[in-house]
Amino acid sequence: VVGILLIFTVTVTTNDVDGFEDFIEGSNQFSFDLYQALKKPFENLIVSPITADIVIALAYTGAGGNTQTEIAKALHLPVELEYVLKLYKHLLKALQDPGLCLVIKLFIEKTLTVELEFQDRALNYFQSDAGLVSFVANPASVKKEINQWFEQKTNNTITDLLGEDSVDSSTRMILTNAAYFKAIWESQFDPRLTNDDDFHVTPQNTVKVKMMFQRNGFPFRSHSELKAKILQLLYKNKDFSMIIILPDNIIDLPGVENRLSRSNFTEILQSLIYTNLNVKLPKFTMNKTMKVTETLKQLGIKDLFNQSAANLTGIAENLYATAVCQ
């Protein structure tokens, strides 16, 4: 089984903002926390922790009391709000790239009065805004409106963000987020070398796929403790790369996932050595929408989704989140 962890962890470092590197470590920890909570044995998973992080942080800027405390703990955020705003503004600036599109938006019931200060923060620090929609009067129309908005923002790659039961007349706010990434390999695969080959979906299930091939030098390591081989494929913009983890034993993908952590992942990336390799990689497209609401509750963010407990008065009175969708 090839373990391709499509988990977008931020590895930007800079001295422009004090504490930014610690902030990135916290963001990466949330990424691994979310991945570990979502994964299931031998099932495909694609998740964008960074956009979930950002949209929840946007809600955090209007939260108070225990709601704010729970979010800060789960996202590993510092306490001071103005400092948090500065960090996220710098993060979004660092992530600007023609091949990367981050879509972050809160959709809020239009009969509620959204605080102007929150609207200003959303725009100035998160490059976003609060979309006011009629959940109460016409939830079906709102669902269609949100799906069409996301489809347009992601170049038609995400067509049905919200499913059948995602919204109803009791919905007051939905936190939506997505990442759309398209880039060119630094070392490109020659299409003439692509052939049909076996891909092991599970230990018992093998399918024929289009398998790309090239021989070249790549950052690589065989890791005895992880019991896996690690390959880094760079994109032309070297700020981004794909990390591929191949278990030594075909049945040990769940074990590799359990042994992987933020700390050893960072150590692994720093220890990769350019090595001449024969690389075979299946052609694949993954496009999945999901609610991560219940998983976020498992990670300790509970009051945000509780109508009686949520404290989001910095956004609007009587507001709580129904779901986080990506």
C-alpha atoms as a PDB file:
ATOM      1  CA  VAL A   1       0.000   0.000   0.000  1.00  0.00           C
ATOM      2  CA  VAL A   2       1.338   3.414  -0.885  1.00  0.00           C
ATOM      3  CA  GLY A   3       0.682   5.881   1.916  1.00  0.00           C
ATOM      4  CA  ILE A   4       0.247   9.301   0.385  1.00  0.00           C
ATOM      5  CA  LEU A   5      -0.524  11.695   3.205  1.00  0.00           C
ATOM      6  CA  LEU A   6      -2.221  14.601   1.488  1.00  0.00           C
ATOM      7  CA  ILE A   7      -1.931  16.757   4.557  1.00  0.00           C
ATOM      8  CA  PHE A   8      -0.990  20.366   4.016  1.00  0.00           C
ATOM      9  CA  THR A   9       1.410  21.331   6.793  1.00  0.00           C
ATOM     10  CA  VAL A  10       3.023  24.743   6.774  1.00  0.00           C
ATOM     11  CA  THR A  11       6.811  24.828   6.834  1.00  0.00           C
ATOM     12  CA  VAL A  12       7.290  28.560   6.283  1.00  0.00           C
ATOM     13  CA  THR A  13       9.861  30.148   8.571  1.00  0.00           C
ATOM     14  CA  THR A  14      10.633  33.828   8.846  1.00  0.00           C
ATOM     15  CA  ASN A  15      12.149  36.293  11.258  1.00  0.00           C
ATOM     16  CA  ASP A  16       9.755  39.080  10.264  1.00  0.00           C
ATOM     17  CA  VAL A  17       7.310  38.333  13.106  1.00  0.00           C
ATOM     18  CA  ASP A  18       8.416  37.372  16.616  1.00  0.00           C
ATOM     19  CA  GLY A  19       7.226  33.899  17.554  1.00  0.00           C
ATOM     20  CA  PHE A  20       6.132  33.006  14.011  1.00  0.00           C
ATOM     21  CA  GLU A  21       8.118  29.770  13.968  1.00  0.00           C
ATOM     22  CA  ASP A  22       6.458  28.631  17.221  1.00  0.00           C
ATOM     23  CA  PHE A  23       3.098  29.571  15.714  1.00  0.00           C
ATOM     24  CA  ILE A  24       3.848  27.391  12.669  1.00  0.00           C
ATOM     25  CA  GLU A  25       4.782  24.490  14.939  1.00  0.00           C
ATOM     26  CA  GLY A  26       1.401  24.864  16.643  1.00  0.00           C
ATOM     27  CA  SER A  27      -0.361  24.954  13.278  1.00  0.00           C
ATOM     28  CA  ASN A  28       1.476  21.810  12.196  1.00  0.00           C
ATOM     29  CA  GLN A  29       0.510  20.101  15.458  1.00  0.00           C
ATOM     30  CA  PHE A  30      -3.155  20.861  14.783  1.00  0.00           C
ATOM     31  CA  SER A  31      -2.677  19.400  11.292  1.00  0.00           C
ATOM     32  CA  PHE A  32      -1.457  16.113  12.745  1.00  0.00           C
ATOM     33  CA  ASP A  33      -4.112  16.114  15.462  1.00  0.00           C
ATOM     34  CA  LEU A  34      -6.818  16.489  12.812  1.00  0.00           C
ATOM     35  CA  TYR A  35      -5.310  13.866  10.523  1.00  0.00           C
ATOM     36  CA  GLN A  36      -4.934  11.318  13.318  1.00  0.00           C
ATOM     37  CA  ALA A  37      -8.549  11.873  14.372  1.00  0.00           C
ATOM     38  CA  LEU A  38      -9.915  11.499  10.820  1.00  0.00           C
ATOM     39  CA  LYS A  39      -7.902   8.570   9.469  1.00  0.00           C
ATOM     40  CA  LYS A  40      -9.409   5.111   9.061  1.00  0.00           C
ATOM     41  CA  PRO A  41      -7.531   1.908   8.139  1.00  0.00           C
ATOM     42  CA  PHE A  42      -7.068   1.478   4.371  1.00  0.00           C
ATOM     43  CA  GLU A  43      -9.378   4.335   3.407  1.00  0.00           C
ATOM     44  CA  ASN A  44      -8.454   7.299   1.223  1.00  0.00           C
ATOM     45  CA  LEU A  45      -8.349  10.584   3.068  1.00  0.00           C
ATOM     46  CA  ILE A  46      -7.752  14.079   1.810  1.00  0.00           C
ATOM     47  CA  VAL A  47      -7.950  16.888   4.321  1.00  0.00           C
ATOM     48  CA  SER A  48      -6.769  20.495   4.376  1.00  0.00           C
ATOM     49  CA  PRO A  49      -5.896  21.225   8.015  1.00  0.00           C
ATOM     50  CA  ILE A  50      -4.453  24.651   7.250  1.00  0.00           C
ATOM     51  CA  THR A  51      -7.724  26.021   5.861  1.00  0.00           C
ATOM     52  CA  ALA A  52      -9.691  24.468   8.736  1.00  0.00           C
ATOM     53  CA  ASP A  53      -7.212  26.110  11.110  1.00  0.00           C
ATOM     54  CA  ILE A  54      -7.625  29.520   9.467  1.00  0.00           C
ATOM     55  CA  VAL A  55     -11.429  29.534   9.312  1.00  0.00           C
ATOM     56  CA  ILE A  56     -11.725  28.409  12.956  1.00  0.00           C
ATOM     57  CA  ALA A  57      -9.180  31.063  13.934  1.00  0.00           C
ATOM     58  CA  LEU A  58     -11.368  33.612  12.166  1.00  0.00           C
ATOM     59  CA  ALA A  59     -14.268  32.559  14.408  1.00  0.00           C
ATOM     60  CA  TYR A  60     -11.864  32.677  17.381  1.00  0.00           C
ATOM     61  CA  THR A  61     -11.316  36.398  16.818  1.00  0.00           C
ATOM     62  CA  GLY A  62     -14.985  36.970  17.650  1.00  0.00           C
ATOM     63  CA  ALA A  63     -15.205  34.423  20.460  1.00  0.00           C
ATOM     64  CA  GLY A  64     -15.128  34.919  24.212  1.00  0.00           C
ATOM     65  CA  GLY A  65     -15.105  32.904  27.421  1.00  0.00           C
ATOM     66  CA  ASN A  66     -14.806  29.129  27.196  1.00  0.00           C
ATOM     67  CA  THR A  67     -15.499  29.137  23.451  1.00  0.00           C
ATOM     68  CA  GLN A  68     -12.343  31.153  22.908  1.00  0.00           C
ATOM     69  CA  THR A  69     -10.374  29.023  25.385  1.00  0.00           C
ATOM     70  CA  GLU A  70     -11.331  25.742  23.675  1.00  0.00           C
ATOM     71  CA  ILE A  71     -10.383  27.027  20.221  1.00  0.00           C
ATOM     72  CA  ALA A  72      -7.065  28.437  21.442  1.00  0.00           C
ATOM     73  CA  LYS A  73      -6.146  25.120  23.061  1.00  0.00           C
ATOM     74  CA  ALA A  74      -7.056  23.015  20.010  1.00  0.00           C
ATOM     75  CA  LEU A  75      -5.252  25.315  17.559  1.00  0.00           C
ATOM     76  CA  HIS A  76      -2.280  25.796  19.933  1.00  0.00           C
ATOM     77  CA  LEU A  77      -2.707  29.583  19.779  1.00  0.00           C
ATOM     78  CA  PRO A  78      -1.121  32.245  21.975  1.00  0.00           C
ATOM     79  CA  VAL A  79      -3.460  34.214  24.231  1.00  0.00           C
ATOM     80  CA  GLU A  80      -3.206  37.799  22.991  1.00  0.00           C
ATOM     81  CA  LEU A  81      -5.762  38.491  20.237  1.00  0.00           C
ATOM     82  CA  GLU A  82      -3.855  41.267  18.461  1.00  0.00           C
ATOM     83  CA  TYR A  83      -0.796  39.006  18.293  1.00  0.00           C
ATOM     84  CA  VAL A  84      -2.899  36.175  16.827  1.00  0.00           C
ATOM     85  CA  LEU A  85      -4.284  38.523  14.174  1.00  0.00           C
ATOM     86  CA  LYS A  86      -0.764  39.609  13.228  1.00  0.00           C
ATOM     87  CA  LEU A  87       0.396  35.980  12.941  1.00  0.00           C
ATOM     88  CA  TYR A  88      -2.453  34.924  10.653  1.00  0.00           C
ATOM     89  CA  LYS A  89      -2.025  37.963   8.439  1.00  0.00           C
ATOM     90  CA  HIS A  90       1.635  37.047   8.017  1.00  0.00           C
ATOM     91  CA  LEU A  91       0.779  33.385   7.407  1.00  0.00           C
ATOM     92  CA  LEU A  92      -1.686  34.200   4.621  1.00  0.00           C
ATOM     93  CA  LYS A  93       0.855  36.533   3.037  1.00  0.00           C
ATOM     94  CA  ALA A  94       3.473  33.757   3.141  1.00  0.00           C
ATOM     95  CA  LEU A  95       1.066  31.319   1.467  1.00  0.00           C
ATOM     96  CA  GLN A  96       0.290  33.546  -1.503  1.00  0.00           C
ATOM     97  CA  ASP A  97       1.129  31.688  -4.705  1.00  0.00           C
ATOM     98  CA  PRO A  98      -0.455  31.553  -8.194  1.00  0.00           C
ATOM     99  CA  GLY A  99      -0.914  27.778  -7.909  1.00  0.00           C
ATOM    100  CA  LEU A 100      -2.517  27.831  -4.466  1.00  0.00           C
ATOM    101  CA  CYS A 101      -6.035  29.024  -3.755  1.00  0.00           C
ATOM    102  CA  LEU A 102      -7.250  29.110  -0.152  1.00  0.00           C
ATOM    103  CA  VAL A 103     -10.986  29.665   0.243  1.00  0.00           C
ATOM    104  CA  ILE A 104     -12.087  30.806   3.703  1.00  0.00           C
ATOM    105  CA  LYS A 105     -15.554  32.131   4.514  1.00  0.00           C
ATOM    106  CA  LEU A 106     -18.154  32.271   7.263  1.00  0.00           C
ATOM    107  CA  PHE A 107     -21.776  32.220   6.123  1.00  0.00           C
ATOM    108  CA  ILE A 108     -24.060  33.838   8.720  1.00  0.00           C
ATOM    109  CA  GLU A 109     -27.836  34.213   8.992  1.00  0.00           C
ATOM    110  CA  LYS A 110     -28.685  37.649   7.568  1.00  0.00           C
ATOM    111  CA  THR A 111     -31.217  38.558  10.268  1.00  0.00           C
ATOM    112  CA  LEU A 112     -28.348  38.714  12.776  1.00  0.00           C
ATOM    113  CA  THR A 113     -26.342  41.908  13.162  1.00  0.00           C
ATOM    114  CA  VAL A 114     -22.668  41.220  12.461  1.00  0.00           C
ATOM    115  CA  GLU A 115     -20.235  43.437  14.365  1.00  0.00           C
ATOM    116  CA  LEU A 116     -18.436  45.900  12.081  1.00  0.00           C
ATOM    117  CA  GLU A 117     -15.181  45.350  13.980  1.00  0.00           C
ATOM    118  CA  PHE A 118     -15.343  41.650  13.141  1.00  0.00           C
ATOM    119  CA  GLN A 119     -16.014  42.407   9.463  1.00  0.00           C
ATOM    120  CA  ASP A 120     -12.956  44.668   9.434  1.00  0.00           C
ATOM    121  CA  ARG A 121     -10.772  41.999  11.074  1.00  0.00           C
ATOM    122  CA  ALA A 122     -11.937  39.334   8.646  1.00  0.00           C
ATOM    123  CA  LEU A 123     -11.044  41.491   5.665  1.00  0.00           C
ATOM    124  CA  ASN A 124      -7.816  43.031   6.935  1.00  0.00           C
ATOM    125  CA  TYR A 125      -6.254  39.985   8.592  1.00  0.00           C
ATOM    126  CA  PHE A 126      -7.870  36.947   6.937  1.00  0.00           C
ATOM    127  CA  GLN A 127      -8.621  38.201   3.404  1.00  0.00           C
ATOM    128  CA  SER A 128     -12.198  37.065   3.960  1.00  0.00           C
ATOM    129  CA  ASP A 129     -15.606  38.346   4.960  1.00  0.00           C
ATOM    130  CA  ALA A 130     -18.857  37.158   6.487  1.00  0.00           C
ATOM    131  CA  GLY A 131     -21.395  36.191   3.856  1.00  0.00           C
ATOM    132  CA  LEU A 132     -24.921  37.076   4.968  1.00  0.00           C
ATOM    133  CA  VAL A 133     -27.504  34.529   3.768  1.00  0.00           C
ATOM    134  CA  SER A 134     -31.120  33.528   4.493  1.00  0.00           C
ATOM    135  CA  PHE A 135     -30.789  30.228   6.362  1.00  0.00           C
ATOM    136  CA  VAL A 136     -34.087  30.874   8.169  1.00  0.00           C
ATOM    137  CA  ALA A 137     -36.183  31.896   5.171  1.00  0.00           C
ATOM    138  CA  ASN A 138     -34.759  29.684   2.429  1.00  0.00           C
ATOM    139  CA  PRO A 139     -32.136  27.093   3.464  1.00  0.00           C
ATOM    140  CA  ALA A 140     -32.353  25.141   0.193  1.00  0.00           C
ATOM    141  CA  SER A 141     -31.593  28.239  -1.844  1.00  0.00           C
ATOM    142  CA  VAL A 142     -28.703  29.137   0.468  1.00  0.00           C
ATOM    143  CA  LYS A 143     -27.166  25.689   0.088  1.00  0.00           C
ATOM    144  CA  LYS A 144     -27.250  26.092  -3.689  1.00  0.00           C
ATOM    145  CA  GLU A 145     -25.813  29.610  -3.420  1.00  0.00           C
ATOM    146  CA  ILE A 146     -22.893  28.481  -1.231  1.00  0.00           C
ATOM    147  CA  ASN A 147     -22.124  25.491  -3.457  1.00  0.00           C
ATOM    148  CA  GLN A 148     -22.099  27.681  -6.563  1.00  0.00           C
ATOM    149  CA  TRP A 149     -19.845  30.219  -4.835  1.00  0.00           C
ATOM    150  CA  PHE A 150     -17.332  27.500  -3.909  1.00  0.00           C
ATOM    151  CA  GLU A 151     -17.470  25.986  -7.375  1.00  0.00           C
ATOM    152  CA  GLN A 152     -16.564  29.336  -8.892  1.00  0.00           C
ATOM    153  CA  LYS A 153     -13.811  30.049  -6.326  1.00  0.00           C
ATOM    154  CA  THR A 154     -12.142  26.635  -6.847  1.00  0.00           C
ATOM    155  CA  ASN A 155     -12.222  26.605 -10.658  1.00  0.00           C
ATOM    156  CA  ASN A 156     -15.049  24.044 -10.703  1.00  0.00           C
ATOM    157  CA  THR A 157     -13.094  21.479  -8.667  1.00  0.00           C
ATOM    158  CA  ILE A 158     -15.448  21.562  -5.658  1.00  0.00           C
ATOM    159  CA  THR A 159     -19.019  21.339  -6.904  1.00  0.00           C
ATOM    160  CA  ASP A 160     -21.054  20.139  -3.910  1.00  0.00           C
ATOM    161  CA  LEU A 161     -19.464  21.373  -0.711  1.00  0.00           C
ATOM    162  CA  LEU A 162     -22.741  21.182   1.204  1.00  0.00           C
ATOM    163  CA  GLY A 163     -24.706  17.939   1.053  1.00  0.00           C
ATOM    164  CA  GLU A 164     -28.425  17.317   1.394  1.00  0.00           C
ATOM    165  CA  ASP A 165     -28.707  17.772   5.161  1.00  0.00           C
ATOM    166  CA  SER A 166     -25.999  20.400   5.649  1.00  0.00           C
ATOM    167  CA  VAL A 167     -28.305  23.345   6.352  1.00  0.00           C
ATOM    168  CA  ASP A 168     -31.853  23.938   7.552  1.00  0.00           C
ATOM    169  CA  SER A 169     -33.875  26.813   8.977  1.00  0.00           C
ATOM    170  CA  SER A 170     -32.168  26.438  12.382  1.00  0.00           C
ATOM    171  CA  THR A 171     -28.692  27.037  10.901  1.00  0.00           C
ATOM    172  CA  ARG A 172     -27.086  30.284  12.014  1.00  0.00           C
ATOM    173  CA  MET A 173     -23.489  29.976  10.826  1.00  0.00           C
ATOM    174  CA  ILE A 174     -21.394  27.578   8.734  1.00  0.00           C
ATOM    175  CA  LEU A 175     -17.604  27.789   8.568  1.00  0.00           C
ATOM    176  CA  THR A 176     -16.450  26.832   5.067  1.00  0.00           C
ATOM    177  CA  ASN A 177     -12.914  26.280   3.833  1.00  0.00           C
ATOM    178  CA  ALA A 178     -11.041  24.648   0.982  1.00  0.00           C
ATOM    179  CA  ALA A 179      -7.647  24.482  -0.685  1.00  0.00           C
ATOM    180  CA  TYR A 180      -7.151  24.237  -4.434  1.00  0.00           C
ATOM    181  CA  PHE A 181      -3.587  23.499  -5.540  1.00  0.00           C
ATOM    182  CA  LYS A 182      -2.194  23.126  -9.032  1.00  0.00           C
ATOM    183  CA  ALA A 183       1.518  23.190  -9.757  1.00  0.00           C
ATOM    184  CA  ILE A 184       4.254  21.775 -11.983  1.00  0.00           C
ATOM    185  CA  TRP A 185       6.783  19.204 -10.807  1.00  0.00           C
ATOM    186  CA  GLU A 186      10.376  20.414 -10.673  1.00  0.00           C
ATOM    187  CA  SER A 187      11.345  17.091 -12.278  1.00  0.00           C
ATOM    188  CA  GLN A 188       8.492  16.197 -14.608  1.00  0.00           C
ATOM    189  CA  PHE A 189       7.285  12.720 -15.515  1.00  0.00           C
ATOM    190  CA  ASP A 190       7.571  11.814 -19.202  1.00  0.00           C
ATOM    191  CA  PRO A 191       4.075  10.751 -20.400  1.00  0.00           C
ATOM    192  CA  ARG A 192       5.688   8.254 -22.779  1.00  0.00           C
ATOM    193  CA  LEU A 193       6.927   6.265 -19.770  1.00  0.00           C
ATOM    194  CA  THR A 194       3.473   5.930 -18.171  1.00  0.00           C
ATOM    195  CA  ASN A 195       2.218   2.323 -18.235  1.00  0.00           C
ATOM    196  CA  ASP A 196      -0.493   0.165 -16.697  1.00  0.00           C
ATOM    197  CA  ASP A 197       0.733  -1.397 -13.456  1.00  0.00           C
ATOM    198  CA  ASP A 198      -0.542  -2.873 -10.189  1.00  0.00           C
ATOM    199  CA  PHE A 199      -1.547  -0.662  -7.273  1.00  0.00           C
ATOM    200  CA  HIS A 200      -2.315  -2.259  -3.897  1.00  0.00           C
ATOM    201  CA  VAL A 201      -5.470  -0.643  -2.516  1.00  0.00           C
ATOM    202  CA  THR A 202      -5.464  -3.055   0.442  1.00  0.00           C
ATOM    203  CA  PRO A 203      -3.405  -6.179   1.120  1.00  0.00           C
ATOM    204  CA  GLN A 204      -6.163  -8.204  -0.569  1.00  0.00           C
ATOM    205  CA  ASN A 205      -7.151  -5.807  -3.346  1.00  0.00           C
ATOM    206  CA  THR A 206      -4.945  -4.914  -6.324  1.00  0.00           C
ATOM    207  CA  VAL A 207      -6.067  -2.755  -9.236  1.00  0.00           C
ATOM    208  CA  LYS A 208      -4.513  -1.710 -12.527  1.00  0.00           C
ATOM    209  CA  VAL A 209      -3.650   1.992 -12.702  1.00  0.00           C
ATOM    210  CA  LYS A 210      -1.729   4.361 -14.932  1.00  0.00           C
ATOM    211  CA  MET A 211       1.713   4.407 -13.316  1.00  0.00           C
ATOM    212  CA  MET A 212       4.112   7.277 -14.030  1.00  0.00           C
ATOM    213  CA  PHE A 213       7.857   6.629 -14.017  1.00  0.00           C
ATOM    214  CA  GLN A 214      11.114   8.518 -13.905  1.00  0.00           C
ATOM    215  CA  ARG A 215      14.686   8.013 -12.745  1.00  0.00           C
ATOM    216  CA  ASN A 216      16.254  11.004 -11.070  1.00  0.00           C
ATOM    217  CA  GLY A 217      17.718  12.363  -7.861  1.00  0.00           C
ATOM    218  CA  PHE A 218      15.193  13.093  -5.116  1.00  0.00           C
ATOM    219  CA  PRO A 219      15.291  13.853  -1.375  1.00  0.00           C
ATOM    220  CA  PHE A 220      14.828  10.412   0.192  1.00  0.00           C
ATOM    221  CA  ARG A 221      15.262   8.383   3.352  1.00  0.00           C
ATOM    222  CA  SER A 222      14.563   4.867   4.562  1.00  0.00           C
ATOM    223  CA  HIS A 223      13.410   5.307   8.169  1.00  0.00           C
ATOM    224  CA  SER A 224      13.891   2.312  10.487  1.00  0.00           C
ATOM    225  CA  GLU A 225      11.740   3.630  13.364  1.00  0.00           C
ATOM    226  CA  LEU A 226       8.856   4.672  11.123  1.00  0.00           C
ATOM    227  CA  LYS A 227       9.338   1.430   9.150  1.00  0.00           C
ATOM    228  CA  ALA A 228       8.804   3.256   5.898  1.00  0.00           C
ATOM    229  CA  LYS A 229      10.520   4.966   2.989  1.00  0.00           C
ATOM    230  CA  ILE A 230      10.064   8.714   2.576  1.00  0.00           C
ATOM    231  CA  LEU A 231      10.282  10.529  -0.754  1.00  0.00           C
ATOM    232  CA  GLN A 232       9.980  14.257  -1.391  1.00  0.00           C
ATOM    233  CA  LEU A 233       8.796  15.433  -4.808  1.00  0.00           C
ATOM    234  CA  LEU A 234       9.452  19.132  -5.279  1.00  0.00           C
ATOM    235  CA  TYR A 235       7.345  21.520  -7.309  1.00  0.00           C
ATOM    236  CA  LYS A 236       8.888  24.263  -9.446  1.00  0.00           C
ATOM    237  CA  ASN A 237       7.969  26.655  -6.680  1.00  0.00           C
ATOM    238  CA  LYS A 238      10.137  25.017  -4.037  1.00  0.00           C
ATOM    239  CA  ASP A 239       8.047  26.417  -1.191  1.00  0.00           C
ATOM    240  CA  PHE A 240       5.726  23.464  -1.887  1.00  0.00           C
ATOM    241  CA  SER A 241       6.384  19.750  -2.144  1.00  0.00           C
ATOM    242  CA  MET A 242       4.636  16.404  -1.898  1.00  0.00           C
ATOM    243  CA  ILE A 243       5.851  13.985   0.759  1.00  0.00           C
ATOM    244  CA  ILE A 244       5.183  10.331  -0.079  1.00  0.00           C
ATOM    245  CA  ILE A 245       5.467   7.696   2.638  1.00  0.00           C
ATOM    246  CA  LEU A 246       5.693   4.051   1.580  1.00  0.00           C
ATOM    247  CA  PRO A 247       5.385   1.428   4.351  1.00  0.00           C
ATOM    248  CA  ASP A 248       8.083  -1.264   4.361  1.00  0.00           C
ATOM    249  CA  ASN A 249       5.322  -3.824   4.891  1.00  0.00           C
ATOM    250  CA  ILE A 250       2.247  -3.673   2.657  1.00  0.00           C
ATOM    251  CA  ILE A 251      -0.119  -4.265   5.597  1.00  0.00           C
ATOM    252  CA  ASP A 252       1.487  -1.678   7.887  1.00  0.00           C
ATOM    253  CA  LEU A 253       0.010   1.613   6.654  1.00  0.00           C
ATOM    254  CA  PRO A 254      -2.082   2.006   9.859  1.00  0.00           C
ATOM    255  CA  GLY A 255       1.062   1.357  11.908  1.00  0.00           C
ATOM    256  CA  VAL A 256       3.036   3.970   9.982  1.00  0.00           C
ATOM    257  CA  GLU A 257       0.219   6.485  10.492  1.00  0.00           C
ATOM    258  CA  ASN A 258       0.220   5.799  14.235  1.00  0.00           C
ATOM    259  CA  ARG A 259       4.003   6.207  14.473  1.00  0.00           C
ATOM    260  CA  LEU A 260       4.012   9.467  12.519  1.00  0.00           C
ATOM    261  CA  SER A 261       3.937  12.694  14.536  1.00  0.00           C
ATOM    262  CA  ARG A 262       4.689  16.365  14.069  1.00  0.00           C
ATOM    263  CA  SER A 263       8.047  16.066  15.824  1.00  0.00           C
ATOM    264  CA  ASN A 264       9.367  13.063  13.910  1.00  0.00           C
ATOM    265  CA  PHE A 265       7.905  14.383  10.637  1.00  0.00           C
ATOM    266  CA  THR A 266       9.965  17.557  11.027  1.00  0.00           C
ATOM    267  CA  GLU A 267      13.056  15.471  11.815  1.00  0.00           C
ATOM    268  CA  ILE A 268      12.403  13.268   8.780  1.00  0.00           C
ATOM    269  CA  LEU A 269      12.146  16.230   6.403  1.00  0.00           C
ATOM    270  CA  GLN A 270      15.413  17.641   7.706  1.00  0.00           C
ATOM    271  CA  SER A 271      17.222  14.316   7.217  1.00  0.00           C
ATOM    272  CA  LEU A 272      16.306  13.571   3.590  1.00  0.00           C
ATOM    273  CA  ILE A 273      19.287  13.068   1.265  1.00  0.00           C
ATOM    274  CA  TYR A 274      19.317  13.422  -2.521  1.00  0.00           C
ATOM    275  CA  THR A 275      19.398   9.884  -3.890  1.00  0.00           C
ATOM    276  CA  ASN A 276      19.159   8.498  -7.433  1.00  0.00           C
ATOM    277  CA  LEU A 277      15.919   6.540  -7.568  1.00  0.00           C
ATOM    278  CA  ASN A 278      13.488   4.796  -9.864  1.00  0.00           C
ATOM    279  CA  VAL A 279      10.169   6.415  -8.940  1.00  0.00           C
ATOM    280  CA  LYS A 280       6.811   4.917  -9.908  1.00  0.00           C
ATOM    281  CA  LEU A 281       3.790   6.986  -8.943  1.00  0.00           C
ATOM    282  CA  PRO A 282       0.142   6.297  -9.797  1.00  0.00           C
ATOM    283  CA  LYS A 283      -1.770   9.029 -11.584  1.00  0.00           C
ATOM    284  CA  PHE A 284      -4.561  10.089  -9.285  1.00  0.00           C
ATOM    285  CA  THR A 285      -7.106  12.795  -8.648  1.00  0.00           C
ATOM    286  CA  MET A 286      -8.621  13.298  -5.219  1.00  0.00           C
ATOM    287  CA  ASN A 287     -11.528  15.646  -4.651  1.00  0.00           C
ATOM    288  CA  LYS A 288     -13.540  15.176  -1.502  1.00  0.00           C
ATOM    289  CA  THR A 289     -15.830  17.274   0.646  1.00  0.00           C
ATOM    290  CA  MET A 290     -16.479  16.533   4.292  1.00  0.00           C
ATOM    291  CA  LYS A 291     -17.784  17.867   7.562  1.00  0.00           C
ATOM    292  CA  VAL A 292     -15.102  17.949  10.223  1.00  0.00           C
ATOM    293  CA  THR A 293     -17.468  19.159  12.945  1.00  0.00           C
ATOM    294  CA  GLU A 294     -17.564  15.975  15.037  1.00  0.00           C
ATOM    295  CA  THR A 295     -13.806  15.543  14.721  1.00  0.00           C
ATOM    296  CA  LEU A 296     -13.244  19.086  15.978  1.00  0.00           C
ATOM    297  CA  LYS A 297     -15.445  18.292  18.963  1.00  0.00           C
ATOM    298  CA  GLN A 298     -13.171  15.304  19.671  1.00  0.00           C
ATOM    299  CA  LEU A 299     -10.235  17.735  19.639  1.00  0.00           C
ATOM    300  CA  GLY A 300     -11.939  19.860  22.296  1.00  0.00           C
ATOM    301  CA  ILE A 301     -13.809  22.512  20.278  1.00  0.00           C
ATOM    302  CA  LYS A 302     -17.297  21.924  21.673  1.00  0.00           C
ATOM    303  CA  ASP A 303     -18.929  25.176  22.769  1.00  0.00           C
ATOM    304  CA  LEU A 304     -18.574  26.661  19.272  1.00  0.00           C
ATOM    305  CA  PHE A 305     -21.237  24.197  18.065  1.00  0.00           C
ATOM    306  CA  ASN A 306     -23.478  24.384  21.139  1.00  0.00           C
ATOM    307  CA  GLN A 307     -26.409  26.782  20.758  1.00  0.00           C
ATOM    308  CA  SER A 308     -26.686  27.456  24.485  1.00  0.00           C
ATOM    309  CA  ALA A 309     -22.949  27.546  25.295  1.00  0.00           C
ATOM    310  CA  ALA A 310     -21.372  29.321  22.301  1.00  0.00           C
ATOM    311  CA  ASN A 311     -19.924  32.746  23.009  1.00  0.00           C
ATOM    312  CA  LEU A 312     -19.463  34.498  19.671  1.00  0.00           C
ATOM    313  CA  THR A 313     -20.701  37.915  20.716  1.00  0.00           C
ATOM    314  CA  GLY A 314     -17.702  39.494  19.009  1.00  0.00           C
ATOM    315  CA  ILE A 315     -19.321  38.388  15.733  1.00  0.00           C
ATOM    316  CA  ALA A 316     -23.050  38.582  16.517  1.00  0.00           C
ATOM    317  CA  GLU A 317     -25.481  37.945  19.357  1.00  0.00           C
ATOM    318  CA  ASN A 318     -27.164  34.512  19.641  1.00  0.00           C
ATOM    319  CA  LEU A 319     -24.681  32.972  17.208  1.00  0.00           C
ATOM    320  CA  TYR A 320     -23.246  29.463  17.108  1.00  0.00           C
ATOM    321  CA  ALA A 321     -21.711  27.304  14.386  1.00  0.00           C
ATOM    322  CA  THR A 322     -23.640  24.433  12.838  1.00  0.00           C
ATOM    323  CA  ALA A 323     -20.753  22.893  10.919  1.00  0.00           C
ATOM    324  CA  VAL A 324     -17.237  23.239   9.559  1.00  0.00           C
ATOM    325  CA  CYS A 325     -17.185  22.004   5.962  1.00  0.00           C
ATOM    326  CA  GLN A 326     -14.377  21.537   3.462  1.00  0.00           C
END
